[in-house]
């Protein structure tokens, strides 16, 4: 990967914040990510796998922080 652009950081941030809400937040983040990429596919003709990667990283980081702070329930 050459560099991280602002769009990828936005993807990470949104998924991170949603994932702090718990499993419903993770589900919402995944749904929003796939919907956004589907829209990009329809509009621009391609998926951005880098954005999906940063979405997954955001979900993983956000939910991990939640588990560390709240505890595994």
Protein backbone atom coordinates (compact mmCIF):
# COMPACT_ATOMS: atom_id res chain seq x y z
CA UNK A 1 0.00 0.00 0.00
CA UNK A 2 1.50 3.30 -1.08
CA UNK A 3 -0.23 5.55 1.42
CA UNK A 4 -3.36 5.92 3.48
CA UNK A 5 -5.74 8.54 2.11
CA UNK A 6 -8.37 10.55 3.98
CA UNK A 7 -11.20 8.39 2.66
CA UNK A 8 -9.68 5.23 4.17
CA UNK A 9 -9.28 7.00 7.50
CA UNK A 10 -12.94 8.04 7.37
CA UNK A 11 -13.94 4.43 6.75
CA UNK A 12 -11.83 3.33 9.72
CA UNK A 13 -13.23 6.05 11.99
CA UNK A 14 -16.89 5.45 11.24
CA UNK A 15 -16.57 1.69 11.72
CA UNK A 16 -14.51 2.21 14.88
CA UNK A 17 -17.15 4.46 16.43
CA UNK A 18 -20.06 2.23 15.47
CA UNK A 19 -18.26 -0.85 16.82
CA UNK A 20 -17.92 0.79 20.21
CA UNK A 21 -21.68 0.29 20.53
CA UNK A 22 -21.31 -3.51 20.59
CA UNK A 23 -22.35 -6.27 18.24
CA UNK A 24 -25.26 -4.25 16.86
CA UNK A 25 -22.80 -1.49 16.07
CA UNK A 26 -20.51 -3.96 14.30
CA UNK A 27 -23.45 -5.22 12.26
CA UNK A 28 -24.43 -1.64 11.38
CA UNK A 29 -20.84 -0.84 10.39
CA UNK A 30 -20.59 -3.89 8.15
CA UNK A 31 -23.93 -3.10 6.56
CA UNK A 32 -22.95 0.52 5.95
CA UNK A 33 -19.59 -0.56 4.50
CA UNK A 34 -21.08 -3.03 2.06
CA UNK A 35 -23.83 -0.61 1.07
CA UNK A 36 -21.27 2.14 0.39
CA UNK A 37 -19.11 -0.16 -1.71
CA UNK A 38 -22.15 -1.43 -3.62
CA UNK A 39 -23.05 2.19 -4.38
CA UNK A 40 -19.47 2.84 -5.56
CA UNK A 41 -19.67 -0.26 -7.76
CA UNK A 42 -22.87 1.00 -9.35
CA UNK A 43 -21.57 4.57 -9.75
CA UNK A 44 -17.90 4.10 -10.57
CA UNK A 45 -17.70 0.48 -11.70
CA UNK A 46 -15.38 -0.91 -9.04
CA UNK A 47 -15.12 -2.02 -5.41
CA UNK A 48 -12.46 -0.44 -3.24
CA UNK A 49 -10.92 -3.33 -1.35
CA UNK A 50 -8.68 -0.95 0.61
CA UNK A 51 -11.76 0.78 2.03
CA UNK A 52 -13.26 -2.57 3.02
CA UNK A 53 -9.96 -3.50 4.68
CA UNK A 54 -10.02 -0.30 6.73
CA UNK A 55 -13.68 -0.92 7.58
CA UNK A 56 -12.73 -4.33 8.96
CA UNK A 57 -9.80 -2.84 10.91
CA UNK A 58 -12.11 -0.20 12.37
CA UNK A 59 -14.61 -2.84 13.46
CA UNK A 60 -11.89 -4.97 15.00
CA UNK A 61 -10.28 -2.06 16.84
CA UNK A 62 -13.57 -0.59 18.08
CA UNK A 63 -14.99 -3.85 19.35
CA UNK A 64 -11.65 -4.78 20.94
CA UNK A 65 -11.57 -1.49 22.84
CA UNK A 66 -15.14 -2.09 23.96
CA UNK A 67 -14.25 -5.52 25.29
CA UNK A 68 -11.20 -4.15 27.11
CA UNK A 69 -13.12 -1.29 28.74
CA UNK A 70 -16.44 -2.96 29.52
CA UNK A 71 -15.16 -6.51 29.89
CA UNK A 72 -16.12 -9.67 28.15
CA UNK A 73 -19.76 -10.39 28.84
